[in-house]
Structure formats: structure tokens, C-alpha cells
Amino acid sequence: MTDTATDVAKIAREAAIAATTEVLSRLQAGYALEQRVWLSSQEAARYLGLNEATLAVYVKAGCAPESFKIGGGRRFNRADLDRWIRAGGITAFPGVNLRPYDKTSNQ
């Protein structure tokens, strides 16, 4: 084998070892086995037991589960919703003002 072919083979082996190490570490952390299920805002709100408008307020306030704007809609990963619930949901954000005005006020 030429020096160039030997170098390429060595680089390929090192890349394979690095990739295998990464996959194993993700398996141990539980990431690689996590099923990615994406929900629309309406589906996510229903899953969380919220009104869709309430979820939109949480998103705007920065205290909603992680989401991504895709096309004209927002998508939530179900695993992120589960983590948000386990972390305490909206109660994990005690200083966030989610009600800028009081609807019951006659002012």
C-alpha cells in the first residue's frame, strides 16, 4: 500500500472508532433510543392539558417546552414536553408574568 492509501485507511479507522464511541455514549445516555415524535401546537397543547392560546403565551414568555418554527407552524417534540412536565411545567418559572392584565378588573 502507498503512503497515501495507508494514511486514508488510518483516518477511516479513526473516524469509525470516533463514530462508534459517540453512538455508544449516546446509547448509554438514552439519546439514541429516544423516539422523535413531533406535535403541532394544537396537539402539544392537548397533550399538556392546556388551551392552545395558553401554550402560545408560554412560548412568547419563554417558559414553554422547546419548540421549533417550521414553515407556518410550531412543532414540539414529545420527549421535550415530557421533560418539561417532569421539571414542573410552568411552576418551574415562578418569576414569569403570564397575565399582563386582569380580565376581571373593571378599570
Protein backbone atom coordinates (compact mmCIF):
# COMPACT_ATOMS: atom_id res chain seq x y z
CA MET A 1 0.00 0.00 0.00
CA THR A 2 1.20 3.50 -0.75
CA ASP A 3 1.71 6.08 1.95
CA THR A 4 -1.43 7.94 0.82
CA ALA A 5 -3.57 4.79 0.94
CA THR A 6 -2.17 3.95 4.38
CA ASP A 7 -2.98 7.45 5.62
CA VAL A 8 -6.53 7.24 4.24
CA ALA A 9 -7.05 3.83 5.86
CA LYS A 10 -5.75 5.16 9.18
CA ILE A 11 -8.06 8.21 9.01
CA ALA A 12 -11.03 5.96 8.15
CA ARG A 13 -10.30 3.68 11.13
CA GLU A 14 -10.00 6.67 13.47
CA ALA A 15 -13.28 8.11 12.15
CA ALA A 16 -15.03 4.76 12.63
CA ILE A 17 -13.73 4.50 16.20
CA ALA A 18 -14.86 8.07 16.95
CA ALA A 19 -18.31 7.44 15.47
CA THR A 20 -18.70 4.19 17.40
CA THR A 21 -17.64 5.90 20.62
CA GLU A 22 -20.21 8.67 20.02
CA VAL A 23 -23.01 6.17 19.33
CA LEU A 24 -22.14 4.17 22.45
CA SER A 25 -22.10 7.28 24.62
CA ARG A 26 -25.49 8.34 23.23
CA LEU A 27 -26.89 4.85 23.86
CA GLN A 28 -25.65 4.97 27.44
CA ALA A 29 -27.23 8.41 27.89
CA GLY A 30 -30.51 7.18 26.35
CA TYR A 31 -30.48 9.67 23.48
CA ALA A 32 -30.10 7.35 20.52
CA LEU A 33 -33.09 5.25 21.54
CA GLU A 34 -35.36 8.23 22.06
CA GLN A 35 -38.16 8.24 19.52
CA ARG A 36 -38.63 11.66 17.95
CA VAL A 37 -42.36 12.36 17.77
CA TRP A 38 -43.24 15.87 16.62
CA LEU A 39 -46.52 17.53 17.57
CA SER A 40 -48.21 20.65 16.28
CA SER A 41 -49.08 23.46 18.70
CA GLN A 42 -52.64 22.17 18.92
CA GLU A 43 -51.51 18.60 19.60
CA ALA A 44 -48.89 19.75 22.12
CA ALA A 45 -51.45 21.87 23.97
CA ARG A 46 -53.84 18.93 24.12
CA TYR A 47 -51.00 16.66 25.32
CA LEU A 48 -50.14 19.14 28.10
CA GLY A 49 -53.79 19.71 29.02
CA LEU A 50 -53.61 23.38 28.02
CA ASN A 51 -55.53 25.67 25.75
CA GLU A 52 -53.57 26.38 22.56
CA ALA A 53 -53.65 30.12 23.32
CA THR A 54 -52.15 29.46 26.77
CA LEU A 55 -49.33 27.48 25.19
CA ALA A 56 -48.73 30.37 22.79
CA VAL A 57 -48.44 32.74 25.78
CA TYR A 58 -45.91 30.38 27.38
CA VAL A 59 -43.90 30.28 24.15
CA LYS A 60 -43.89 34.07 23.91
CA ALA A 61 -42.86 34.38 27.57
CA GLY A 62 -40.02 31.89 27.02
CA CYS A 63 -41.25 29.35 29.54
CA ALA A 64 -42.75 26.72 27.22
CA PRO A 65 -41.07 23.46 26.28
CA GLU A 66 -38.51 23.81 23.50
CA SER A 67 -40.15 24.16 20.09
CA PHE A 68 -39.20 24.90 16.52
CA LYS A 69 -40.85 27.11 13.96
CA ILE A 70 -41.23 25.06 10.81
CA GLY A 71 -43.00 26.62 7.86
CA GLY A 72 -46.13 28.31 9.12
CA GLY A 73 -46.38 26.29 12.32
CA ARG A 74 -44.57 25.49 15.52
CA ARG A 75 -43.50 21.93 16.34
CA PHE A 76 -42.88 20.40 19.76
CA ASN A 77 -41.03 17.16 20.41
CA ARG A 78 -42.99 14.87 22.71
CA ALA A 79 -39.85 13.96 24.67
CA ASP A 80 -39.28 17.68 25.35
CA LEU A 81 -42.88 18.00 26.54
CA ASP A 82 -42.36 15.07 28.91
CA ARG A 83 -39.13 16.62 30.26
CA TRP A 84 -40.93 19.95 30.77
CA ILE A 85 -43.69 18.19 32.72
CA ARG A 86 -41.17 16.30 34.88
CA ALA A 87 -39.32 19.56 35.57
CA GLY A 88 -42.51 21.07 36.99
CA GLY A 89 -44.08 22.60 33.90
CA ILE A 90 -45.00 26.25 34.29
CA THR A 91 -44.31 26.10 38.04
CA ALA A 92 -40.60 25.89 37.19
CA PHE A 93 -40.84 29.58 36.12
CA PRO A 94 -42.03 31.40 39.26
CA GLY A 95 -40.98 34.90 38.20
CA VAL A 96 -42.68 34.93 34.80
CA ASN A 97 -45.64 37.29 34.47
CA LEU A 98 -48.10 35.44 32.27
CA ARG A 99 -51.05 37.74 32.95
CA PRO A 100 -50.30 41.27 31.80
CA TYR A 101 -53.80 42.39 32.79
CA ASP A 102 -56.64 41.16 34.95
CA LYS A 103 -59.75 40.31 32.90
CA THR A 104 -61.97 40.60 35.98
CA SER A 105 -60.93 44.20 36.61
CA ASN A 106 -63.50 46.88 35.74
CA GLN A 107 -60.91 49.60 35.19
